[in-house]
C-alpha atoms as a PDB file:
ATOM      1  CA  UNK A   1       0.014  -0.005   0.010  1.00  0.00           C
ATOM      2  CA  UNK A   2       1.196   3.419  -0.920  1.00  0.00           C
ATOM      3  CA  UNK A   3      -0.835   6.493  -1.470  1.00  0.00           C
ATOM      4  CA  UNK A   4       0.761   6.767  -4.855  1.00  0.00           C
ATOM      5  CA  UNK A   5       0.331   4.968  -8.151  1.00  0.00           C
ATOM      6  CA  UNK A   6       0.414   1.319  -6.973  1.00  0.00           C
ATOM      7  CA  UNK A   7       1.869  -0.666  -9.774  1.00  0.00           C
ATOM      8  CA  UNK A   8       4.099   1.857 -11.412  1.00  0.00           C
ATOM      9  CA  UNK A   9       7.543   3.149 -10.504  1.00  0.00           C
ATOM     10  CA  UNK A  10       8.232  -0.028  -8.460  1.00  0.00           C
ATOM     11  CA  UNK A  11      11.123  -0.778 -10.770  1.00  0.00           C
ATOM     12  CA  UNK A  12      12.654  -4.238 -10.021  1.00  0.00           C
ATOM     13  CA  UNK A  13      10.640  -4.952  -6.885  1.00  0.00           C
ATOM     14  CA  UNK A  14       7.523  -6.530  -8.355  1.00  0.00           C
ATOM     15  CA  UNK A  15       9.410  -8.418 -11.108  1.00  0.00           C
ATOM     16  CA  UNK A  16      11.727  -9.883  -8.547  1.00  0.00           C
ATOM     17  CA  UNK A  17       8.893 -11.048  -6.330  1.00  0.00           C
ATOM     18  CA  UNK A  18       7.145 -12.733  -9.325  1.00  0.00           C
ATOM     19  CA  UNK A  19      10.427 -14.429 -10.261  1.00  0.00           C
ATOM     20  CA  UNK A  20      10.364 -16.020  -6.811  1.00  0.00           C
ATOM     21  CA  UNK A  21       6.834 -17.333  -7.263  1.00  0.00           C
ATOM     22  CA  UNK A  22       4.988 -14.505  -5.554  1.00  0.00           C
ATOM     23  CA  UNK A  23       1.985 -13.108  -7.403  1.00  0.00           C
ATOM     24  CA  UNK A  24       1.535  -9.366  -6.885  1.00  0.00           C
ATOM     25  CA  UNK A  25      -1.718  -7.465  -6.704  1.00  0.00           C
ATOM     26  CA  UNK A  26      -1.659  -3.681  -6.301  1.00  0.00           C
ATOM     27  CA  UNK A  27      -4.145  -0.830  -6.497  1.00  0.00           C
ATOM     28  CA  UNK A  28      -4.374   2.940  -6.359  1.00  0.00           C
ATOM     29  CA  UNK A  29      -6.035   4.168  -3.217  1.00  0.00           C
ATOM     30  CA  UNK A  30      -8.874   6.725  -3.372  1.00  0.00           C
ATOM     31  CA  UNK A  31      -7.474  10.118  -4.161  1.00  0.00           C
ATOM     32  CA  UNK A  32      -4.254   8.862  -5.726  1.00  0.00           C
ATOM     33  CA  UNK A  33      -2.819   7.511  -8.941  1.00  0.00           C
ATOM     34  CA  UNK A  34      -5.355   6.667 -11.637  1.00  0.00           C
ATOM     35  CA  UNK A  35      -8.269   6.585  -9.171  1.00  0.00           C
ATOM     36  CA  UNK A  36      -8.459  10.346  -9.582  1.00  0.00           C
ATOM     37  CA  UNK A  37     -10.657  11.535 -12.479  1.00  0.00           C
ATOM     38  CA  UNK A  38     -10.702  15.246 -11.662  1.00  0.00           C
ATOM     39  CA  UNK A  39      -8.715  17.667  -9.526  1.00  0.00           C
ATOM     40  CA  UNK A  40     -11.328  17.787  -6.795  1.00  0.00           C
ATOM     41  CA  UNK A  41     -10.748  14.082  -6.022  1.00  0.00           C
ATOM     42  CA  UNK A  42      -7.002  14.463  -5.285  1.00  0.00           C
ATOM     43  CA  UNK A  43      -6.190  13.280  -1.799  1.00  0.00           C
ATOM     44  CA  UNK A  44      -9.756  12.245  -0.932  1.00  0.00           C
ATOM     45  CA  UNK A  45      -8.960   9.021   0.834  1.00  0.00           C
ATOM     46  CA  UNK A  46     -11.831   9.329   3.300  1.00  0.00           C
ATOM     47  CA  UNK A  47     -11.676   8.526   6.977  1.00  0.00           C
ATOM     48  CA  UNK A  48      -9.997   5.423   8.365  1.00  0.00           C
ATOM     49  CA  UNK A  49     -13.194   3.479   8.199  1.00  0.00           C
ATOM     50  CA  UNK A  50     -13.286   4.025   4.475  1.00  0.00           C
ATOM     51  CA  UNK A  51      -9.633   3.182   4.006  1.00  0.00           C
ATOM     52  CA  UNK A  52     -10.063  -0.139   5.845  1.00  0.00           C
ATOM     53  CA  UNK A  53     -13.332  -0.873   3.936  1.00  0.00           C
ATOM     54  CA  UNK A  54     -11.557  -0.362   0.624  1.00  0.00           C
ATOM     55  CA  UNK A  55      -8.849  -2.734   1.734  1.00  0.00           C
ATOM     56  CA  UNK A  56     -11.419  -5.327   2.680  1.00  0.00           C
ATOM     57  CA  UNK A  57     -13.019  -4.999  -0.783  1.00  0.00           C
ATOM     58  CA  UNK A  58      -9.648  -5.590  -2.502  1.00  0.00           C
ATOM     59  CA  UNK A  59      -8.694  -8.506  -0.276  1.00  0.00           C
ATOM     60  CA  UNK A  60     -12.126 -10.095  -0.693  1.00  0.00           C
ATOM     61  CA  UNK A  61     -11.811  -9.792  -4.462  1.00  0.00           C
ATOM     62  CA  UNK A  62      -8.329 -11.302  -4.359  1.00  0.00           C
ATOM     63  CA  UNK A  63      -9.419 -14.189  -2.119  1.00  0.00           C
ATOM     64  CA  UNK A  64     -12.244 -15.032  -4.481  1.00  0.00           C
ATOM     65  CA  UNK A  65      -9.801 -15.497  -7.316  1.00  0.00           C
ATOM     66  CA  UNK A  66      -6.964 -17.074  -5.356  1.00  0.00           C
ATOM     67  CA  UNK A  67      -6.116 -20.672  -6.284  1.00  0.00           C
ATOM     68  CA  UNK A  68      -5.763 -23.403  -3.712  1.00  0.00           C
ATOM     69  CA  UNK A  69      -2.828 -25.618  -3.119  1.00  0.00           C
ATOM     70  CA  UNK A  70      -3.763 -29.234  -3.889  1.00  0.00           C
ATOM     71  CA  UNK A  71      -1.913 -32.083  -2.188  1.00  0.00           C
ATOM     72  CA  UNK A  72      -2.042 -35.709  -3.341  1.00  0.00           C
ATOM     73  CA  UNK A  73      -0.896 -38.767  -1.418  1.00  0.00           C
ATOM     74  CA  UNK A  74      -0.181 -42.370  -2.338  1.00  0.00           C
ATOM     75  CA  UNK A  75      -2.419 -43.743   0.384  1.00  0.00           C
ATOM     76  CA  UNK A  76      -5.655 -42.014  -0.541  1.00  0.00           C
ATOM     77  CA  UNK A  77      -7.560 -40.932  -3.540  1.00  0.00           C
ATOM     78  CA  UNK A  78      -8.611 -37.629  -1.984  1.00  0.00           C
ATOM     79  CA  UNK A  79      -6.915 -34.394  -2.878  1.00  0.00           C
ATOM     80  CA  UNK A  80      -7.459 -31.919  -0.037  1.00  0.00           C
ATOM     81  CA  UNK A  81      -7.004 -28.279  -0.966  1.00  0.00           C
ATOM     82  CA  UNK A  82      -5.819 -25.449   1.272  1.00  0.00           C
ATOM     83  CA  UNK A  83      -5.913 -21.745   0.581  1.00  0.00           C
ATOM     84  CA  UNK A  84      -2.808 -20.222  -0.960  1.00  0.00           C
ATOM     85  CA  UNK A  85      -0.903 -18.156   1.675  1.00  0.00           C
ATOM     86  CA  UNK A  86      -1.719 -14.460   1.451  1.00  0.00           C
ATOM     87  CA  UNK A  87       0.290 -11.488   2.712  1.00  0.00           C
ATOM     88  CA  UNK A  88      -0.584  -7.799   3.023  1.00  0.00           C
ATOM     89  CA  UNK A  89       2.146  -5.212   2.469  1.00  0.00           C
ATOM     90  CA  UNK A  90       2.170  -1.440   2.578  1.00  0.00           C
ATOM     91  CA  UNK A  91       4.583   1.424   2.099  1.00  0.00           C
ATOM     92  CA  UNK A  92       4.690   4.713   4.084  1.00  0.00           C
ATOM     93  CA  UNK A  93       1.119   5.752   4.745  1.00  0.00           C
ATOM     94  CA  UNK A  94       0.159   2.388   3.316  1.00  0.00           C
ATOM     95  CA  UNK A  95       2.384   0.746   5.920  1.00  0.00           C
ATOM     96  CA  UNK A  96       0.502   2.453   8.737  1.00  0.00           C
ATOM     97  CA  UNK A  97      -2.762   1.325   7.169  1.00  0.00           C
ATOM     98  CA  UNK A  98      -1.586  -2.313   6.918  1.00  0.00           C
ATOM     99  CA  UNK A  99      -0.618  -2.326  10.559  1.00  0.00           C
ATOM    100  CA  UNK A 100      -4.003  -0.833  11.502  1.00  0.00           C
ATOM    101  CA  UNK A 101      -5.742  -3.463   9.357  1.00  0.00           C
ATOM    102  CA  UNK A 102      -3.850  -6.182  11.200  1.00  0.00           C
ATOM    103  CA  UNK A 103      -5.685  -5.005  14.343  1.00  0.00           C
ATOM    104  CA  UNK A 104      -9.017  -3.635  13.086  1.00  0.00           C
ATOM    105  CA  UNK A 105      -9.794  -5.463   9.841  1.00  0.00           C
ATOM    106  CA  UNK A 106     -12.741  -7.907   9.887  1.00  0.00           C
ATOM    107  CA  UNK A 107     -11.718 -10.964  11.867  1.00  0.00           C
ATOM    108  CA  UNK A 108     -12.811 -13.446   9.190  1.00  0.00           C
ATOM    109  CA  UNK A 109     -10.551 -11.673   6.655  1.00  0.00           C
ATOM    110  CA  UNK A 110      -7.542 -11.402   8.997  1.00  0.00           C
ATOM    111  CA  UNK A 111      -7.716 -15.057   9.684  1.00  0.00           C
ATOM    112  CA  UNK A 112      -6.903 -15.671   6.012  1.00  0.00           C
ATOM    113  CA  UNK A 113      -3.872 -13.359   5.940  1.00  0.00           C
ATOM    114  CA  UNK A 114      -0.596 -15.194   6.699  1.00  0.00           C
ATOM    115  CA  UNK A 115       1.472 -12.128   7.405  1.00  0.00           C
ATOM    116  CA  UNK A 116       1.884  -8.330   7.243  1.00  0.00           C
ATOM    117  CA  UNK A 117       4.763  -6.303   5.900  1.00  0.00           C
ATOM    118  CA  UNK A 118       5.288  -2.555   6.412  1.00  0.00           C
ATOM    119  CA  UNK A 119       7.977  -0.680   4.453  1.00  0.00           C
ATOM    120  CA  UNK A 120       8.987   2.598   6.057  1.00  0.00           C
ATOM    121  CA  UNK A 121       5.518   2.870   7.679  1.00  0.00           C
ATOM    122  CA  UNK A 122       3.993   6.177   8.667  1.00  0.00           C
ATOM    123  CA  UNK A 123       3.869   5.673  12.394  1.00  0.00           C
ATOM    124  CA  UNK A 124       5.406   9.124  12.956  1.00  0.00           C
ATOM    125  CA  UNK A 125       6.913  11.640  10.599  1.00  0.00           C
ATOM    126  CA  UNK A 126      10.624  12.538  10.637  1.00  0.00           C
ATOM    127  CA  UNK A 127      11.099  15.892  12.450  1.00  0.00           C
ATOM    128  CA  UNK A 128      11.957  17.466   9.080  1.00  0.00           C
ATOM    129  CA  UNK A 129       8.553  16.494   7.691  1.00  0.00           C
ATOM    130  CA  UNK A 130       6.552  16.845  10.920  1.00  0.00           C
ATOM    131  CA  UNK A 131       4.038  19.712  10.985  1.00  0.00           C
ATOM    132  CA  UNK A 132       3.914  21.839  14.108  1.00  0.00           C
ATOM    133  CA  UNK A 133       1.713  20.805  17.059  1.00  0.00           C
ATOM    134  CA  UNK A 134      -0.421  23.916  16.455  1.00  0.00           C
ATOM    135  CA  UNK A 135      -0.963  22.982  12.782  1.00  0.00           C
ATOM    136  CA  UNK A 136      -1.920  19.466  13.802  1.00  0.00           C
ATOM    137  CA  UNK A 137      -4.385  20.635  16.456  1.00  0.00           C
ATOM    138  CA  UNK A 138      -6.013  23.224  14.173  1.00  0.00           C
ATOM    139  CA  UNK A 139      -6.060  20.725  11.288  1.00  0.00           C
ATOM    140  CA  UNK A 140      -7.851  18.096  13.334  1.00  0.00           C
ATOM    141  CA  UNK A 141     -10.411  20.565  14.484  1.00  0.00           C
ATOM    142  CA  UNK A 142     -10.912  21.955  10.984  1.00  0.00           C
ATOM    143  CA  UNK A 143     -11.281  18.438   9.519  1.00  0.00           C
ATOM    144  CA  UNK A 144     -14.566  18.055  11.420  1.00  0.00           C
ATOM    145  CA  UNK A 145     -16.076  20.901   9.531  1.00  0.00           C
ATOM    146  CA  UNK A 146     -14.280  20.746   6.177  1.00  0.00           C
ATOM    147  CA  UNK A 147     -12.831  17.242   5.838  1.00  0.00           C
ATOM    148  CA  UNK A 148     -12.253  17.541   2.080  1.00  0.00           C
ATOM    149  CA  UNK A 149     -10.233  20.757   2.281  1.00  0.00           C
ATOM    150  CA  UNK A 150      -7.114  20.127   0.208  1.00  0.00           C
ATOM    151  CA  UNK A 151      -3.613  20.870   1.497  1.00  0.00           C
ATOM    152  CA  UNK A 152      -0.568  21.175  -0.706  1.00  0.00           C
ATOM    153  CA  UNK A 153       2.576  19.482   0.673  1.00  0.00           C
ATOM    154  CA  UNK A 154       5.526  19.514  -1.708  1.00  0.00           C
ATOM    155  CA  UNK A 155       8.200  16.877  -0.960  1.00  0.00           C
ATOM    156  CA  UNK A 156      11.806  17.076  -1.915  1.00  0.00           C
ATOM    157  CA  UNK A 157      12.425  14.434  -4.580  1.00  0.00           C
ATOM    158  CA  UNK A 158      15.981  14.058  -3.212  1.00  0.00           C
ATOM    159  CA  UNK A 159      14.595  12.796   0.095  1.00  0.00           C
ATOM    160  CA  UNK A 160      12.613  10.003  -1.590  1.00  0.00           C
ATOM    161  CA  UNK A 161      15.572   7.776  -2.345  1.00  0.00           C
ATOM    162  CA  UNK A 162      19.269   7.906  -3.281  1.00  0.00           C
ATOM    163  CA  UNK A 163      18.777   6.926  -6.956  1.00  0.00           C
ATOM    164  CA  UNK A 164      18.817  10.030  -9.159  1.00  0.00           C
ATOM    165  CA  UNK A 165      16.848   8.336 -11.872  1.00  0.00           C
ATOM    166  CA  UNK A 166      14.053   7.528  -9.419  1.00  0.00           C
ATOM    167  CA  UNK A 167      14.182  11.104  -8.163  1.00  0.00           C
ATOM    168  CA  UNK A 168      13.702  12.444 -11.732  1.00  0.00           C
ATOM    169  CA  UNK A 169      10.917   9.968 -12.438  1.00  0.00           C
ATOM    170  CA  UNK A 170       9.100  10.868  -9.271  1.00  0.00           C
ATOM    171  CA  UNK A 171       9.370  14.653  -9.891  1.00  0.00           C
ATOM    172  CA  UNK A 172       8.259  14.360 -13.522  1.00  0.00           C
ATOM    173  CA  UNK A 173       5.293  12.052 -12.943  1.00  0.00           C
ATOM    174  CA  UNK A 174       1.988  13.771 -13.629  1.00  0.00           C
ATOM    175  CA  UNK A 175       0.176  11.415 -11.235  1.00  0.00           C
ATOM    176  CA  UNK A 176       2.481  12.494  -8.444  1.00  0.00           C
ATOM    177  CA  UNK A 177       0.325  15.262  -7.052  1.00  0.00           C
ATOM    178  CA  UNK A 178       1.065  17.153  -3.873  1.00  0.00           C
ATOM    179  CA  UNK A 179      -2.442  17.355  -2.435  1.00  0.00           C
ATOM    180  CA  UNK A 180      -3.930  15.765   0.642  1.00  0.00           C
ATOM    181  CA  UNK A 181      -6.957  16.649   2.688  1.00  0.00           C
ATOM    182  CA  UNK A 182      -7.529  17.614   6.311  1.00  0.00           C
ATOM    183  CA  UNK A 183      -9.444  14.404   6.868  1.00  0.00           C
ATOM    184  CA  UNK A 184      -6.705  12.278   5.307  1.00  0.00           C
ATOM    185  CA  UNK A 185      -3.977  13.991   7.357  1.00  0.00           C
ATOM    186  CA  UNK A 186      -5.936  13.590  10.568  1.00  0.00           C
ATOM    187  CA  UNK A 187      -6.569   9.953   9.761  1.00  0.00           C
ATOM    188  CA  UNK A 188      -2.912   9.164   9.071  1.00  0.00           C
ATOM    189  CA  UNK A 189      -1.731  10.946  12.188  1.00  0.00           C
ATOM    190  CA  UNK A 190      -4.403   9.214  14.241  1.00  0.00           C
ATOM    191  CA  UNK A 191      -3.468   5.789  13.027  1.00  0.00           C
ATOM    192  CA  UNK A 192       0.192   6.381  13.656  1.00  0.00           C
ATOM    193  CA  UNK A 193      -0.292   7.739  17.199  1.00  0.00           C
ATOM    194  CA  UNK A 194      -2.834   5.010  17.948  1.00  0.00           C
ATOM    195  CA  UNK A 195      -0.337   2.297  17.088  1.00  0.00           C
ATOM    196  CA  UNK A 196       2.609   3.934  18.844  1.00  0.00           C
ATOM    197  CA  UNK A 197       0.619   4.767  21.987  1.00  0.00           C
ATOM    198  CA  UNK A 198      -1.149   1.374  22.223  1.00  0.00           C
ATOM    199  CA  UNK A 199      -4.654   2.419  21.429  1.00  0.00           C
ATOM    200  CA  UNK A 200      -4.472   0.193  18.370  1.00  0.00           C
ATOM    201  CA  UNK A 201      -2.994  -3.113  19.476  1.00  0.00           C
ATOM    202  CA  UNK A 202      -1.352  -6.051  17.764  1.00  0.00           C
ATOM    203  CA  UNK A 203      -1.126  -9.341  19.635  1.00  0.00           C
ATOM    204  CA  UNK A 204      -1.085 -13.055  18.988  1.00  0.00           C
ATOM    205  CA  UNK A 205      -4.445 -14.653  19.732  1.00  0.00           C
ATOM    206  CA  UNK A 206      -4.391 -15.973  23.276  1.00  0.00           C
ATOM    207  CA  UNK A 207      -2.293 -13.026  24.522  1.00  0.00           C
ATOM    208  CA  UNK A 208      -5.385 -11.263  25.709  1.00  0.00           C
ATOM    209  CA  UNK A 209      -8.044  -8.993  24.277  1.00  0.00           C
ATOM    210  CA  UNK A 210      -6.746  -5.905  22.527  1.00  0.00           C
ATOM    211  CA  UNK A 211      -7.761  -2.620  24.027  1.00  0.00           C
ATOM    212  CA  UNK A 212      -9.011   0.560  22.515  1.00  0.00           C
ATOM    213  CA  UNK A 213     -10.079   0.435  18.855  1.00  0.00           C
ATOM    214  CA  UNK A 214      -8.080  -2.662  17.879  1.00  0.00           C
ATOM    215  CA  UNK A 215      -8.981  -6.220  18.865  1.00  0.00           C
ATOM    216  CA  UNK A 216      -5.548  -7.557  18.058  1.00  0.00           C
ATOM    217  CA  UNK A 217      -6.864 -11.128  17.597  1.00  0.00           C
ATOM    218  CA  UNK A 218      -7.604 -13.577  14.834  1.00  0.00           C
ATOM    219  CA  UNK A 219      -4.646 -12.720  12.669  1.00  0.00           C
ATOM    220  CA  UNK A 220      -1.926 -14.914  11.209  1.00  0.00           C
ATOM    221  CA  UNK A 221      -1.229 -18.531  10.538  1.00  0.00           C
ATOM    222  CA  UNK A 222      -4.675 -19.997  11.351  1.00  0.00           C
ATOM    223  CA  UNK A 223      -3.565 -20.701  14.922  1.00  0.00           C
ATOM    224  CA  UNK A 224      -3.915 -17.102  16.044  1.00  0.00           C
ATOM    225  CA  UNK A 225      -0.280 -16.091  15.565  1.00  0.00           C
ATOM    226  CA  UNK A 226       0.496 -12.784  13.909  1.00  0.00           C
ATOM    227  CA  UNK A 227       3.527 -12.665  11.545  1.00  0.00           C
ATOM    228  CA  UNK A 228       4.912  -9.155  11.110  1.00  0.00           C
ATOM    229  CA  UNK A 229       7.861  -7.625   9.188  1.00  0.00           C
ATOM    230  CA  UNK A 230       8.834  -3.962   9.409  1.00  0.00           C
ATOM    231  CA  UNK A 231      11.725  -2.496   7.346  1.00  0.00           C
ATOM    232  CA  UNK A 232      13.040   1.074   7.560  1.00  0.00           C
ATOM    233  CA  UNK A 233      15.941   3.127   6.272  1.00  0.00           C
ATOM    234  CA  UNK A 234      17.984   4.834   8.994  1.00  0.00           C
ATOM    235  CA  UNK A 235      18.419   7.943   6.811  1.00  0.00           C
ATOM    236  CA  UNK A 236      14.713   8.274   5.973  1.00  0.00           C
ATOM    237  CA  UNK A 237      13.725  11.991   6.128  1.00  0.00           C
ATOM    238  CA  UNK A 238      10.048  11.443   5.584  1.00  0.00           C
ATOM    239  CA  UNK A 239       8.875   8.891   8.095  1.00  0.00           C
ATOM    240  CA  UNK A 240      10.470   8.106  11.444  1.00  0.00           C
ATOM    241  CA  UNK A 241      13.004   5.257  11.624  1.00  0.00           C
ATOM    242  CA  UNK A 242      13.016   5.489  15.419  1.00  0.00           C
ATOM    243  CA  UNK A 243       9.272   5.127  15.609  1.00  0.00           C
ATOM    244  CA  UNK A 244       9.297   1.898  13.553  1.00  0.00           C
ATOM    245  CA  UNK A 245      12.110   0.439  15.644  1.00  0.00           C
ATOM    246  CA  UNK A 246      10.544   1.328  18.926  1.00  0.00           C
ATOM    247  CA  UNK A 247       7.062   0.137  17.825  1.00  0.00           C
ATOM    248  CA  UNK A 248       8.359  -3.236  16.797  1.00  0.00           C
ATOM    249  CA  UNK A 249      10.185  -3.617  20.144  1.00  0.00           C
ATOM    250  CA  UNK A 250       7.030  -2.712  22.003  1.00  0.00           C
ATOM    251  CA  UNK A 251       5.065  -5.639  20.500  1.00  0.00           C
ATOM    252  CA  UNK A 252       5.700  -8.040  23.431  1.00  0.00           C
ATOM    253  CA  UNK A 253       2.546  -9.930  22.527  1.00  0.00           C
ATOM    254  CA  UNK A 254       3.774 -10.795  18.965  1.00  0.00           C
ATOM    255  CA  UNK A 255       6.210 -13.746  18.772  1.00  0.00           C
ATOM    256  CA  UNK A 256       6.919 -13.701  15.026  1.00  0.00           C
ATOM    257  CA  UNK A 257       8.057 -10.168  14.469  1.00  0.00           C
ATOM    258  CA  UNK A 258      11.035  -8.789  12.493  1.00  0.00           C
ATOM    259  CA  UNK A 259      12.494  -5.293  12.346  1.00  0.00           C
ATOM    260  CA  UNK A 260      15.002  -4.793   9.524  1.00  0.00           C
ATOM    261  CA  UNK A 261      17.182  -1.675   9.617  1.00  0.00           C
ATOM    262  CA  UNK A 262      18.683  -0.513   6.340  1.00  0.00           C
ATOM    263  CA  UNK A 263      21.610   1.674   7.389  1.00  0.00           C
ATOM    264  CA  UNK A 264      21.924   4.863   5.336  1.00  0.00           C
ATOM    265  CA  UNK A 265      18.870   4.106   3.112  1.00  0.00           C
ATOM    266  CA  UNK A 266      16.112   6.599   2.410  1.00  0.00           C
ATOM    267  CA  UNK A 267      12.315   6.301   2.190  1.00  0.00           C
ATOM    268  CA  UNK A 268      11.590   4.162  -0.938  1.00  0.00           C
ATOM    269  CA  UNK A 269      13.550   1.071   0.042  1.00  0.00           C
ATOM    270  CA  UNK A 270      12.362  -0.834  -2.970  1.00  0.00           C
ATOM    271  CA  UNK A 271      13.718   1.810  -5.349  1.00  0.00           C
ATOM    272  CA  UNK A 272      17.108   2.455  -3.868  1.00  0.00           C
ATOM    273  CA  UNK A 273      20.137   2.200  -6.180  1.00  0.00           C
ATOM    274  CA  UNK A 274      21.182  -1.220  -7.388  1.00  0.00           C
ATOM    275  CA  UNK A 275      22.187  -3.564  -5.747  1.00  0.00           C
ATOM    276  CA  UNK A 276      20.303  -2.285  -2.710  1.00  0.00           C
ATOM    277  CA  UNK A 277      16.925  -2.511  -4.466  1.00  0.00           C
ATOM    278  CA  UNK A 278      17.531  -6.242  -5.101  1.00  0.00           C
ATOM    279  CA  UNK A 279      18.753  -6.731  -1.539  1.00  0.00           C
ATOM    280  CA  UNK A 280      15.443  -5.338  -0.319  1.00  0.00           C
ATOM    281  CA  UNK A 281      13.367  -7.379  -2.716  1.00  0.00           C
ATOM    282  CA  UNK A 282      15.220 -10.508  -1.709  1.00  0.00           C
ATOM    283  CA  UNK A 283      14.661  -9.809   2.009  1.00  0.00           C
ATOM    284  CA  UNK A 284      10.925  -9.433   1.415  1.00  0.00           C
ATOM    285  CA  UNK A 285      10.665 -12.555  -0.760  1.00  0.00           C
ATOM    286  CA  UNK A 286      12.683 -14.696   1.681  1.00  0.00           C
ATOM    287  CA  UNK A 287      10.540 -13.623   4.614  1.00  0.00           C
ATOM    288  CA  UNK A 288       7.310 -14.397   2.736  1.00  0.00           C
ATOM    289  CA  UNK A 289       8.387 -17.756   1.374  1.00  0.00           C
ATOM    290  CA  UNK A 290       9.738 -18.849   4.794  1.00  0.00           C
ATOM    291  CA  UNK A 291       6.122 -18.657   6.000  1.00  0.00           C
ATOM    292  CA  UNK A 292       4.652 -20.649   3.163  1.00  0.00           C
ATOM    293  CA  UNK A 293       4.277 -24.413   3.051  1.00  0.00           C
ATOM    294  CA  UNK A 294       7.083 -26.260   1.186  1.00  0.00           C
ATOM    295  CA  UNK A 295       6.465 -26.845  -2.501  1.00  0.00           C
ATOM    296  CA  UNK A 296       5.773 -30.455  -3.518  1.00  0.00           C
ATOM    297  CA  UNK A 297       8.421 -32.543  -5.205  1.00  0.00           C
ATOM    298  CA  UNK A 298       8.726 -32.353  -8.981  1.00  0.00           C
ATOM    299  CA  UNK A 299       7.107 -35.862  -9.189  1.00  0.00           C
ATOM    300  CA  UNK A 300       3.824 -34.535  -7.802  1.00  0.00           C
ATOM    301  CA  UNK A 301       1.106 -34.499 -10.347  1.00  0.00           C
ATOM    302  CA  UNK A 302      -0.222 -31.251  -8.847  1.00  0.00           C
ATOM    303  CA  UNK A 303       3.129 -29.436  -9.010  1.00  0.00           C
ATOM    304  CA  UNK A 304       2.002 -26.694 -11.381  1.00  0.00           C
ATOM    305  CA  UNK A 305      -1.002 -25.957  -9.286  1.00  0.00           C
ATOM    306  CA  UNK A 306       0.990 -25.842  -6.066  1.00  0.00           C
ATOM    307  CA  UNK A 307       3.463 -23.142  -6.934  1.00  0.00           C
ATOM    308  CA  UNK A 308       1.433 -20.239  -5.701  1.00  0.00           C
ATOM    309  CA  UNK A 309       2.547 -18.382  -2.621  1.00  0.00           C
ATOM    310  CA  UNK A 310       0.176 -15.389  -2.526  1.00  0.00           C
ATOM    311  CA  UNK A 311       0.925 -12.025  -1.031  1.00  0.00           C
ATOM    312  CA  UNK A 312      -1.480  -9.161  -1.341  1.00  0.00           C
ATOM    313  CA  UNK A 313       0.452  -5.955  -1.577  1.00  0.00           C
ATOM    314  CA  UNK A 314      -1.500  -2.820  -1.310  1.00  0.00           C
ATOM    315  CA  UNK A 315       0.182   0.187  -2.832  1.00  0.00           C
ATOM    316  CA  UNK A 316      -1.657   3.428  -3.325  1.00  0.00           C
ATOM    317  CA  UNK A 317      -2.186   4.840   0.085  1.00  0.00           C
ATOM    318  CA  UNK A 318       0.432   7.477   0.934  1.00  0.00           C
ATOM    319  CA  UNK A 319       0.336  11.178   1.454  1.00  0.00           C
ATOM    320  CA  UNK A 320       3.963  11.903   1.580  1.00  0.00           C
ATOM    321  CA  UNK A 321       5.118  10.446  -1.688  1.00  0.00           C
ATOM    322  CA  UNK A 322       2.921  10.429  -4.784  1.00  0.00           C
ATOM    323  CA  UNK A 323       3.907   8.509  -7.905  1.00  0.00           C
ATOM    324  CA  UNK A 324       2.354   7.548 -11.150  1.00  0.00           C
ATOM    325  CA  UNK A 325       3.719   6.030 -14.331  1.00  0.00           C
ATOM    326  CA  UNK A 326       2.833   4.670 -17.714  1.00  0.00           C
ATOM    327  CA  UNK A 327       3.129   0.879 -17.356  1.00  0.00           C
ATOM    328  CA  UNK A 328       1.093  -1.309 -19.665  1.00  0.00           C
ATOM    329  CA  UNK A 329      -1.962  -3.059 -18.286  1.00  0.00           C
ATOM    330  CA  UNK A 330      -2.810  -0.312 -15.921  1.00  0.00           C
ATOM    331  CA  UNK A 331      -6.365  -0.278 -14.577  1.00  0.00           C
ATOM    332  CA  UNK A 332      -7.485   3.193 -13.778  1.00  0.00           C
ATOM    333  CA  UNK A 333     -10.480   2.174 -11.772  1.00  0.00           C
ATOM    334  CA  UNK A 334     -10.241   2.827  -8.046  1.00  0.00           C
ATOM    335  CA  UNK A 335     -11.461  -0.701  -7.301  1.00  0.00           C
ATOM    336  CA  UNK A 336      -9.268  -2.301  -9.941  1.00  0.00           C
ATOM    337  CA  UNK A 337      -6.197  -4.384  -9.178  1.00  0.00           C
ATOM    338  CA  UNK A 338      -3.030  -4.820 -11.246  1.00  0.00           C
ATOM    339  CA  UNK A 339      -1.377  -8.128 -11.565  1.00  0.00           C
ATOM    340  CA  UNK A 340       2.370  -8.630 -12.155  1.00  0.00           C
ATOM    341  CA  UNK A 341       3.623 -11.988 -13.197  1.00  0.00           C
ATOM    342  CA  UNK A 342       2.689 -14.957 -15.408  1.00  0.00           C
ATOM    343  CA  UNK A 343       1.133 -18.331 -14.968  1.00  0.00           C
ATOM    344  CA  UNK A 344       4.418 -19.767 -13.771  1.00  0.00           C
ATOM    345  CA  UNK A 345       5.099 -17.224 -11.096  1.00  0.00           C
ATOM    346  CA  UNK A 346       2.128 -16.512  -8.835  1.00  0.00           C
ATOM    347  CA  UNK A 347       1.757 -14.627  -5.558  1.00  0.00           C
ATOM    348  CA  UNK A 348      -0.029 -11.546  -4.423  1.00  0.00           C
ATOM    349  CA  UNK A 349       1.481  -8.319  -3.218  1.00  0.00           C
END
């Protein structure tokens, strides 16, 4: 998830995942990318309830089309099928939304998600990007009366990543608008503070009922365990590296959690200069596949149907970094999903 154009300007990230057998689904969030049909729609993500509802719609659509893994044995004629493992990933504002969904999404949906990944999540902004407390207070108050009021926030392309080509692409992209709304800003700040301050909780099932807005139960591997990966660049000037590190450490109720620090890296980890971009893609793919069932032997008659490790990646939900692009096969509909890969390499991200 990223508030920007979901499937474009991801460079080698999605292709690398598909080469590892991970099918990628991505979409443009409301107010971003090709979901925008006129200027007045820019940045109109809606409140958190709408953001989570949109995610549920995408995941439900993906689940309905997801193949199952079929296993055959020599001792029985039955061929039991199990759902293909699914993962939900988000970047920046999308990362904060993924973490919120892991707590507040519908329980019956969360039970079908094997793990969650957050790349440079918006838990807190870097001091350089952080608005003043007065602006935040006034903005939250004003959002109650004029939620759709648009704010212009120009980001420095040089702070996005260290690759000059990516910086130029980002700055030149017509879909990379600089507008958010009071409601969207208030929602993102509220989700971040709720996660960091414990009002939105993440816990393995059996660790106790979550408090506040988040239930914190029913996620993970089917046995109530939540699998979580958070990666952040130490030189990120947009979202806070310290907040991600401290948040992960605070999750004492989550056994399977990983915090990956990328020393000296910026905000778009997946678009850093080569070979760092491939290092990041490999880290993500390795983590996902380590939580998928082993593939059957080549002698299995169901081999071709059992190759799918599915990760649902939601990209299109940021407010600090807007991107677009001109990739083929782009679906401009807000509810549409882009697929990257072929019949031999399937997963969902």
